[in-house]
Amino acid sequence: MAAGSGITPILSIIATTLASEPHSRFTLLYGNRSSSGALFRDKLEDLKNRYLDRLNLIFVFSREQQDVDLYNGRIDADKCGQLFSRWMDVANLDAAFICGPQAMTETVRDSLQANGLAKDRIHFELFAAAGSEARREAREAARQVDSALSHITVISDGRALTFDLPRNTQNVLDAGNAIGAELPYSCKAGVCSTCKCRVIEGEVEMDSNHALEDYEVAAGYVLSCQTYPVSDKVVLDFDQL
């Protein structure tokens, strides 16, 4: 489920998974005010044409009338119930991904749970989440006064690569891939957990996390797309999953 520009990470997840997992299937519910506001519509249609039997596209518009009333209006709890009844067996979904405004995201999340989907199968990203936005602002301010380097080692596919990363600049995933580390990723929004790794040494902080459970974080796992070094030395292992 996506609304507005929340389609960006969701599209990445769908495209990557359809290409890499031949038995995967998706139903995308995408809400906008009107068809003109639906981002990446051509790309979505291309995906639909390529994976006819594995991808369902449902556009819901709040300010533009469509022929079928089900697809008109705001995505609230009632609309969720109607859409779920028509398009999916919620309780048996492997996973649900949501990205959009906070109110809609929470409504969809609660509706999924009310229809039988386990909490640990629901992954979501909120627009401008207060905590992550505050951390980004603090990092921007710190960048002006702290130019210290962190010595980063990433381990992936049995190969270790070491590089220096100025603090408060790039996340570890982007910095590593910029020098050829070939670290795994998909959504880059803290939603899908494809970039999950474990902190073996050092201290880091995550801007956003909507994929890892509390016990995983306690065990040292992080999402590298949201991870920034804090200590002088950091070692991250992408093979310890």
C-alpha atoms as a PDB file:
ATOM      1  CA  MET A   1       0.000   0.000   0.000  1.00  0.00           C
ATOM      2  CA  ALA A   2       1.352   3.409  -0.965  1.00  0.00           C
ATOM      3  CA  ALA A   3       0.099   6.970  -1.126  1.00  0.00           C
ATOM      4  CA  GLY A   4       1.648   9.856  -3.039  1.00  0.00           C
ATOM      5  CA  SER A   5       5.439   9.794  -3.132  1.00  0.00           C
ATOM      6  CA  GLY A   6       5.345   6.817  -0.780  1.00  0.00           C
ATOM      7  CA  ILE A   7       5.351   4.766  -3.966  1.00  0.00           C
ATOM      8  CA  THR A   8       9.124   5.275  -4.320  1.00  0.00           C
ATOM      9  CA  PRO A   9      10.355   2.596  -1.866  1.00  0.00           C
ATOM     10  CA  ILE A  10       7.365   0.355  -2.593  1.00  0.00           C
ATOM     11  CA  LEU A  11       8.084   0.366  -6.332  1.00  0.00           C
ATOM     12  CA  SER A  12      11.679  -0.604  -5.639  1.00  0.00           C
ATOM     13  CA  ILE A  13      10.609  -3.524  -3.452  1.00  0.00           C
ATOM     14  CA  ILE A  14       8.095  -4.771  -6.022  1.00  0.00           C
ATOM     15  CA  ALA A  15      10.405  -4.490  -9.030  1.00  0.00           C
ATOM     16  CA  THR A  16      13.360  -6.116  -7.287  1.00  0.00           C
ATOM     17  CA  THR A  17      11.370  -8.989  -5.811  1.00  0.00           C
ATOM     18  CA  LEU A  18       9.422  -9.792  -8.978  1.00  0.00           C
ATOM     19  CA  ALA A  19      12.700 -10.001 -10.892  1.00  0.00           C
ATOM     20  CA  SER A  20      14.554 -12.110  -8.322  1.00  0.00           C
ATOM     21  CA  GLU A  21      11.783 -14.330  -6.903  1.00  0.00           C
ATOM     22  CA  PRO A  22       9.905 -16.150  -9.701  1.00  0.00           C
ATOM     23  CA  HIS A  23       7.083 -17.285  -7.409  1.00  0.00           C
ATOM     24  CA  SER A  24       6.447 -13.895  -5.801  1.00  0.00           C
ATOM     25  CA  ARG A  25       3.117 -12.105  -6.244  1.00  0.00           C
ATOM     26  CA  PHE A  26       2.090  -8.547  -5.358  1.00  0.00           C
ATOM     27  CA  THR A  27      -1.098  -6.548  -5.090  1.00  0.00           C
ATOM     28  CA  LEU A  28      -0.411  -2.804  -5.010  1.00  0.00           C
ATOM     29  CA  LEU A  29      -3.032  -0.424  -3.640  1.00  0.00           C
ATOM     30  CA  TYR A  30      -1.893   3.074  -4.604  1.00  0.00           C
ATOM     31  CA  GLY A  31      -3.764   6.134  -3.364  1.00  0.00           C
ATOM     32  CA  ASN A  32      -3.618   9.649  -4.829  1.00  0.00           C
ATOM     33  CA  ARG A  33      -5.848  12.675  -5.249  1.00  0.00           C
ATOM     34  CA  SER A  34      -6.031  12.122  -9.012  1.00  0.00           C
ATOM     35  CA  SER A  35      -4.396  10.237 -11.863  1.00  0.00           C
ATOM     36  CA  SER A  36      -2.099  13.182 -12.580  1.00  0.00           C
ATOM     37  CA  GLY A  37      -0.540  12.790  -9.150  1.00  0.00           C
ATOM     38  CA  ALA A  38       0.248   9.087  -9.525  1.00  0.00           C
ATOM     39  CA  LEU A  39       4.031   8.910  -9.722  1.00  0.00           C
ATOM     40  CA  PHE A  40       5.834   6.296 -11.827  1.00  0.00           C
ATOM     41  CA  ARG A  41       2.585   5.229 -13.451  1.00  0.00           C
ATOM     42  CA  ASP A  42       4.359   4.257 -16.684  1.00  0.00           C
ATOM     43  CA  LYS A  43       6.863   2.138 -14.768  1.00  0.00           C
ATOM     44  CA  LEU A  44       4.069   0.452 -12.854  1.00  0.00           C
ATOM     45  CA  GLU A  45       2.207  -0.305 -16.074  1.00  0.00           C
ATOM     46  CA  ASP A  46       5.414  -1.703 -17.593  1.00  0.00           C
ATOM     47  CA  LEU A  47       5.813  -3.998 -14.605  1.00  0.00           C
ATOM     48  CA  LYS A  48       2.192  -5.086 -14.939  1.00  0.00           C
ATOM     49  CA  ASN A  49       2.713  -5.927 -18.611  1.00  0.00           C
ATOM     50  CA  ARG A  50       5.851  -7.882 -17.790  1.00  0.00           C
ATOM     51  CA  TYR A  51       4.340  -9.801 -14.860  1.00  0.00           C
ATOM     52  CA  LEU A  52       0.691 -10.093 -15.867  1.00  0.00           C
ATOM     53  CA  ASP A  53      -0.199 -12.949 -13.541  1.00  0.00           C
ATOM     54  CA  ARG A  54       1.945 -11.826 -10.610  1.00  0.00           C
ATOM     55  CA  LEU A  55       1.119  -8.153 -10.147  1.00  0.00           C
ATOM     56  CA  ASN A  56      -2.236  -6.494  -9.482  1.00  0.00           C
ATOM     57  CA  LEU A  57      -2.419  -2.685  -9.698  1.00  0.00           C
ATOM     58  CA  ILE A  58      -5.253  -0.835  -7.976  1.00  0.00           C
ATOM     59  CA  PHE A  59      -5.369   2.970  -8.152  1.00  0.00           C
ATOM     60  CA  VAL A  60      -7.565   4.801  -5.642  1.00  0.00           C
ATOM     61  CA  PHE A  61      -8.305   8.501  -6.247  1.00  0.00           C
ATOM     62  CA  SER A  62      -9.866  10.823  -3.684  1.00  0.00           C
ATOM     63  CA  ARG A  63     -10.652  13.725  -6.049  1.00  0.00           C
ATOM     64  CA  GLU A  64     -11.166  12.053  -9.406  1.00  0.00           C
ATOM     65  CA  GLN A  65     -14.072   9.791 -10.234  1.00  0.00           C
ATOM     66  CA  GLN A  66     -13.410   6.353 -11.677  1.00  0.00           C
ATOM     67  CA  ASP A  67     -15.995   4.014 -13.162  1.00  0.00           C
ATOM     68  CA  VAL A  68     -15.907   1.629 -10.202  1.00  0.00           C
ATOM     69  CA  ASP A  69     -16.932   3.327  -6.955  1.00  0.00           C
ATOM     70  CA  LEU A  70     -14.704   1.023  -4.920  1.00  0.00           C
ATOM     71  CA  TYR A  71     -11.687   2.901  -6.263  1.00  0.00           C
ATOM     72  CA  ASN A  72     -12.964   6.373  -5.369  1.00  0.00           C
ATOM     73  CA  GLY A  73     -12.468   8.191  -2.068  1.00  0.00           C
ATOM     74  CA  ARG A  74      -9.973   8.372   0.759  1.00  0.00           C
ATOM     75  CA  ILE A  75      -8.209   5.298   2.073  1.00  0.00           C
ATOM     76  CA  ASP A  76      -9.830   4.974   5.489  1.00  0.00           C
ATOM     77  CA  ALA A  77     -10.750   1.928   7.550  1.00  0.00           C
ATOM     78  CA  ASP A  78     -13.969   1.293   5.605  1.00  0.00           C
ATOM     79  CA  LYS A  79     -12.179   1.579   2.268  1.00  0.00           C
ATOM     80  CA  CYS A  80      -9.478  -0.797   3.468  1.00  0.00           C
ATOM     81  CA  GLY A  81     -12.088  -3.359   4.427  1.00  0.00           C
ATOM     82  CA  GLN A  82     -13.748  -3.132   1.013  1.00  0.00           C
ATOM     83  CA  LEU A  83     -10.462  -3.352  -0.890  1.00  0.00           C
ATOM     84  CA  PHE A  84      -9.203  -6.250   1.187  1.00  0.00           C
ATOM     85  CA  SER A  85     -12.436  -8.184   0.636  1.00  0.00           C
ATOM     86  CA  ARG A  86     -12.147  -7.712  -3.115  1.00  0.00           C
ATOM     87  CA  TRP A  87      -8.441  -8.252  -3.645  1.00  0.00           C
ATOM     88  CA  MET A  88      -6.724 -10.331  -0.996  1.00  0.00           C
ATOM     89  CA  ASP A  89      -6.852 -12.870   1.787  1.00  0.00           C
ATOM     90  CA  VAL A  90      -5.187 -10.631   4.347  1.00  0.00           C
ATOM     91  CA  ALA A  91      -4.553 -13.262   7.007  1.00  0.00           C
ATOM     92  CA  ASN A  92      -2.513 -15.367   4.588  1.00  0.00           C
ATOM     93  CA  LEU A  93      -0.283 -12.636   3.169  1.00  0.00           C
ATOM     94  CA  ASP A  94       3.438 -13.274   3.549  1.00  0.00           C
ATOM     95  CA  ALA A  95       4.077  -9.571   4.148  1.00  0.00           C
ATOM     96  CA  ALA A  96       2.564  -6.120   3.764  1.00  0.00           C
ATOM     97  CA  PHE A  97       4.539  -2.966   2.994  1.00  0.00           C
ATOM     98  CA  ILE A  98       3.068   0.489   3.599  1.00  0.00           C
ATOM     99  CA  CYS A  99       4.496   3.916   2.845  1.00  0.00           C
ATOM    100  CA  GLY A 100       2.633   7.199   3.025  1.00  0.00           C
ATOM    101  CA  PRO A 101       1.351   9.899   5.381  1.00  0.00           C
ATOM    102  CA  GLN A 102       1.222   8.898   9.023  1.00  0.00           C
ATOM    103  CA  ALA A 103      -2.563   8.855   9.396  1.00  0.00           C
ATOM    104  CA  MET A 104      -3.082   6.651   6.339  1.00  0.00           C
ATOM    105  CA  THR A 105      -0.211   4.364   7.243  1.00  0.00           C
ATOM    106  CA  GLU A 106      -1.546   3.779  10.739  1.00  0.00           C
ATOM    107  CA  THR A 107      -5.068   3.206   9.416  1.00  0.00           C
ATOM    108  CA  VAL A 108      -3.881   0.592   6.923  1.00  0.00           C
ATOM    109  CA  ARG A 109      -1.667  -1.062   9.526  1.00  0.00           C
ATOM    110  CA  ASP A 110      -4.531  -1.319  12.015  1.00  0.00           C
ATOM    111  CA  SER A 111      -6.901  -2.592   9.317  1.00  0.00           C
ATOM    112  CA  LEU A 112      -4.462  -5.300   8.272  1.00  0.00           C
ATOM    113  CA  GLN A 113      -4.123  -6.466  11.865  1.00  0.00           C
ATOM    114  CA  ALA A 114      -7.893  -6.339  12.374  1.00  0.00           C
ATOM    115  CA  ASN A 115      -8.255  -8.612   9.350  1.00  0.00           C
ATOM    116  CA  GLY A 116      -5.874 -11.199  10.743  1.00  0.00           C
ATOM    117  CA  LEU A 117      -2.380 -10.269   9.530  1.00  0.00           C
ATOM    118  CA  ALA A 118       0.297 -10.752  12.179  1.00  0.00           C
ATOM    119  CA  LYS A 119       2.066  -7.593  13.345  1.00  0.00           C
ATOM    120  CA  ASP A 120       5.509  -8.921  12.429  1.00  0.00           C
ATOM    121  CA  ARG A 121       4.433  -9.235   8.785  1.00  0.00           C
ATOM    122  CA  ILE A 122       3.598  -5.546   8.468  1.00  0.00           C
ATOM    123  CA  HIS A 123       6.395  -3.177   7.462  1.00  0.00           C
ATOM    124  CA  PHE A 124       5.880   0.544   7.102  1.00  0.00           C
ATOM    125  CA  GLU A 125       7.571   3.898   6.607  1.00  0.00           C
ATOM    126  CA  LEU A 126       6.045   7.171   7.761  1.00  0.00           C
ATOM    127  CA  PHE A 127       6.526  10.456   5.943  1.00  0.00           C
ATOM    128  CA  ALA A 128       8.727  12.824   7.942  1.00  0.00           C
ATOM    129  CA  ALA A 129       8.727  10.696  11.067  1.00  0.00           C
ATOM    130  CA  ALA A 130       9.562  13.089  13.900  1.00  0.00           C
ATOM    131  CA  GLY A 131      12.430  11.086  15.376  1.00  0.00           C
ATOM    132  CA  SER A 132      14.278  10.406  12.144  1.00  0.00           C
ATOM    133  CA  GLU A 133      13.785  13.986  10.937  1.00  0.00           C
ATOM    134  CA  ALA A 134      15.236  15.327  14.175  1.00  0.00           C
ATOM    135  CA  ARG A 135      18.244  13.037  13.827  1.00  0.00           C
ATOM    136  CA  ARG A 136      18.826  14.229  10.267  1.00  0.00           C
ATOM    137  CA  GLU A 137      18.712  17.847  11.393  1.00  0.00           C
ATOM    138  CA  ALA A 138      21.115  17.123  14.246  1.00  0.00           C
ATOM    139  CA  ARG A 139      23.493  15.391  11.852  1.00  0.00           C
ATOM    140  CA  GLU A 140      23.416  18.349   9.482  1.00  0.00           C
ATOM    141  CA  ALA A 141      24.330  20.659  12.352  1.00  0.00           C
ATOM    142  CA  ALA A 142      27.059  18.315  13.588  1.00  0.00           C
ATOM    143  CA  ARG A 143      28.557  18.146  10.103  1.00  0.00           C
ATOM    144  CA  GLN A 144      29.523  21.794  10.417  1.00  0.00           C
ATOM    145  CA  VAL A 145      31.702  21.195  13.487  1.00  0.00           C
ATOM    146  CA  ASP A 146      32.707  17.517  13.351  1.00  0.00           C
ATOM    147  CA  SER A 147      34.834  16.408  10.407  1.00  0.00           C
ATOM    148  CA  ALA A 148      36.253  13.302  12.094  1.00  0.00           C
ATOM    149  CA  LEU A 149      36.663  10.124  10.066  1.00  0.00           C
ATOM    150  CA  SER A 150      35.342   6.713  11.001  1.00  0.00           C
ATOM    151  CA  HIS A 151      37.308   3.672   9.859  1.00  0.00           C
ATOM    152  CA  ILE A 152      34.671   1.345   8.335  1.00  0.00           C
ATOM    153  CA  THR A 153      35.017  -2.345   7.479  1.00  0.00           C
ATOM    154  CA  VAL A 154      32.169  -4.121   5.687  1.00  0.00           C
ATOM    155  CA  ILE A 155      32.087  -7.898   5.261  1.00  0.00           C
ATOM    156  CA  SER A 156      29.915  -9.289   2.467  1.00  0.00           C
ATOM    157  CA  ASP A 157      30.074 -12.623   0.616  1.00  0.00           C
ATOM    158  CA  GLY A 158      33.192 -13.479   2.601  1.00  0.00           C
ATOM    159  CA  ARG A 159      35.051 -10.388   1.404  1.00  0.00           C
ATOM    160  CA  ALA A 160      36.169  -7.559   3.702  1.00  0.00           C
ATOM    161  CA  LEU A 161      36.465  -4.016   2.394  1.00  0.00           C
ATOM    162  CA  THR A 162      37.782  -1.114   4.467  1.00  0.00           C
ATOM    163  CA  PHE A 163      37.340   2.608   3.892  1.00  0.00           C
ATOM    164  CA  ASP A 164      37.215   5.910   5.765  1.00  0.00           C
ATOM    165  CA  LEU A 165      33.905   7.738   6.060  1.00  0.00           C
ATOM    166  CA  PRO A 166      33.508  11.324   7.337  1.00  0.00           C
ATOM    167  CA  ARG A 167      30.896  11.329  10.067  1.00  0.00           C
ATOM    168  CA  ASN A 168      27.488  12.879   9.555  1.00  0.00           C
ATOM    169  CA  THR A 169      27.713  12.591   5.766  1.00  0.00           C
ATOM    170  CA  GLN A 170      26.701   9.327   4.046  1.00  0.00           C
ATOM    171  CA  ASN A 171      25.053   6.208   5.357  1.00  0.00           C
ATOM    172  CA  VAL A 172      27.255   3.127   5.356  1.00  0.00           C
ATOM    173  CA  LEU A 173      25.401   1.426   2.494  1.00  0.00           C
ATOM    174  CA  ASP A 174      25.813   4.289   0.033  1.00  0.00           C
ATOM    175  CA  ALA A 175      29.392   4.956   1.082  1.00  0.00           C
ATOM    176  CA  GLY A 176      30.364   1.305   0.680  1.00  0.00           C
ATOM    177  CA  ASN A 177      28.688   0.859  -2.679  1.00  0.00           C
ATOM    178  CA  ALA A 178      30.259   4.084  -3.942  1.00  0.00           C
ATOM    179  CA  ILE A 179      33.640   2.358  -3.753  1.00  0.00           C
ATOM    180  CA  GLY A 180      32.486  -0.965  -5.178  1.00  0.00           C
ATOM    181  CA  ALA A 181      31.448  -2.977  -2.117  1.00  0.00           C
ATOM    182  CA  GLU A 182      28.314  -4.324  -3.880  1.00  0.00           C
ATOM    183  CA  LEU A 183      26.320  -4.398  -0.649  1.00  0.00           C
ATOM    184  CA  PRO A 184      22.710  -5.652  -0.934  1.00  0.00           C
ATOM    185  CA  TYR A 185      19.808  -3.222  -0.884  1.00  0.00           C
ATOM    186  CA  SER A 186      16.326  -2.626  -2.260  1.00  0.00           C
ATOM    187  CA  CYS A 187      14.108   0.155  -0.909  1.00  0.00           C
ATOM    188  CA  LYS A 188      16.699   2.389   0.816  1.00  0.00           C
ATOM    189  CA  ALA A 189      13.918   3.592   3.088  1.00  0.00           C
ATOM    190  CA  GLY A 190      14.321   1.382   6.144  1.00  0.00           C
ATOM    191  CA  VAL A 191      11.363  -0.773   5.157  1.00  0.00           C
ATOM    192  CA  CYS A 192      12.436  -3.959   3.396  1.00  0.00           C
ATOM    193  CA  SER A 193      15.510  -5.137   5.439  1.00  0.00           C
ATOM    194  CA  THR A 194      17.433  -6.262   2.324  1.00  0.00           C
ATOM    195  CA  CYS A 195      20.415  -4.204   3.550  1.00  0.00           C
ATOM    196  CA  LYS A 196      20.379  -5.764   7.025  1.00  0.00           C
ATOM    197  CA  CYS A 197      23.770  -6.389   8.638  1.00  0.00           C
ATOM    198  CA  ARG A 198      25.270  -6.885  12.090  1.00  0.00           C
ATOM    199  CA  VAL A 199      27.512  -4.521  14.012  1.00  0.00           C
ATOM    200  CA  ILE A 200      30.556  -6.561  15.047  1.00  0.00           C
ATOM    201  CA  GLU A 201      32.558  -3.669  16.431  1.00  0.00           C
ATOM    202  CA  GLY A 202      31.966   0.003  17.121  1.00  0.00           C
ATOM    203  CA  GLU A 203      28.964   2.244  17.586  1.00  0.00           C
ATOM    204  CA  VAL A 204      26.428   3.430  15.007  1.00  0.00           C
ATOM    205  CA  GLU A 205      23.000   5.018  14.924  1.00  0.00           C
ATOM    206  CA  MET A 206      20.025   4.385  12.658  1.00  0.00           C
ATOM    207  CA  ASP A 207      17.884   7.206  11.308  1.00  0.00           C
ATOM    208  CA  SER A 208      14.846   5.016  10.692  1.00  0.00           C
ATOM    209  CA  ASN A 209      13.819   1.411  11.292  1.00  0.00           C
ATOM    210  CA  HIS A 210      10.534  -0.117  10.181  1.00  0.00           C
ATOM    211  CA  ALA A 211      11.859  -3.587   9.376  1.00  0.00           C
ATOM    212  CA  LEU A 212      13.834  -4.963  12.318  1.00  0.00           C
ATOM    213  CA  GLU A 213      12.252  -6.346  15.466  1.00  0.00           C
ATOM    214  CA  ASP A 214      13.423  -5.148  18.887  1.00  0.00           C
ATOM    215  CA  TYR A 215      15.257  -8.404  19.553  1.00  0.00           C
ATOM    216  CA  GLU A 216      17.179  -8.038  16.285  1.00  0.00           C
ATOM    217  CA  VAL A 217      18.296  -4.524  17.184  1.00  0.00           C
ATOM    218  CA  ALA A 218      19.299  -5.761  20.644  1.00  0.00           C
ATOM    219  CA  ALA A 219      21.412  -8.454  18.954  1.00  0.00           C
ATOM    220  CA  GLY A 220      23.299  -5.798  16.990  1.00  0.00           C
ATOM    221  CA  TYR A 221      21.485  -5.848  13.660  1.00  0.00           C
ATOM    222  CA  VAL A 222      20.994  -2.610  11.735  1.00  0.00           C
ATOM    223  CA  LEU A 223      19.718  -1.427   8.368  1.00  0.00           C
ATOM    224  CA  SER A 224      22.802  -0.165   6.572  1.00  0.00           C
ATOM    225  CA  CYS A 225      20.796   2.263   4.413  1.00  0.00           C
ATOM    226  CA  GLN A 226      19.875   4.114   7.615  1.00  0.00           C
ATOM    227  CA  THR A 227      23.134   3.606   9.517  1.00  0.00           C
ATOM    228  CA  TYR A 228      25.763   6.244  10.293  1.00  0.00           C
ATOM    229  CA  PRO A 229      29.038   5.700  12.191  1.00  0.00           C
ATOM    230  CA  VAL A 230      29.490   7.230  15.631  1.00  0.00           C
ATOM    231  CA  SER A 231      32.752   5.655  16.819  1.00  0.00           C
ATOM    232  CA  ASP A 232      36.253   5.833  15.319  1.00  0.00           C
ATOM    233  CA  LYS A 233      36.055   2.236  14.107  1.00  0.00           C
ATOM    234  CA  VAL A 234      33.041   0.269  12.877  1.00  0.00           C
ATOM    235  CA  VAL A 235      32.863  -3.297  11.544  1.00  0.00           C
ATOM    236  CA  LEU A 236      29.653  -4.475   9.846  1.00  0.00           C
ATOM    237  CA  ASP A 237      28.997  -8.056   8.751  1.00  0.00           C
ATOM    238  CA  PHE A 238      26.416  -8.620   6.003  1.00  0.00           C
ATOM    239  CA  ASP A 239      26.939 -12.389   6.096  1.00  0.00           C
ATOM    240  CA  GLN A 240      25.696 -12.912   9.682  1.00  0.00           C
ATOM    241  CA  LEU A 241      21.972 -13.129   9.009  1.00  0.00           C
END
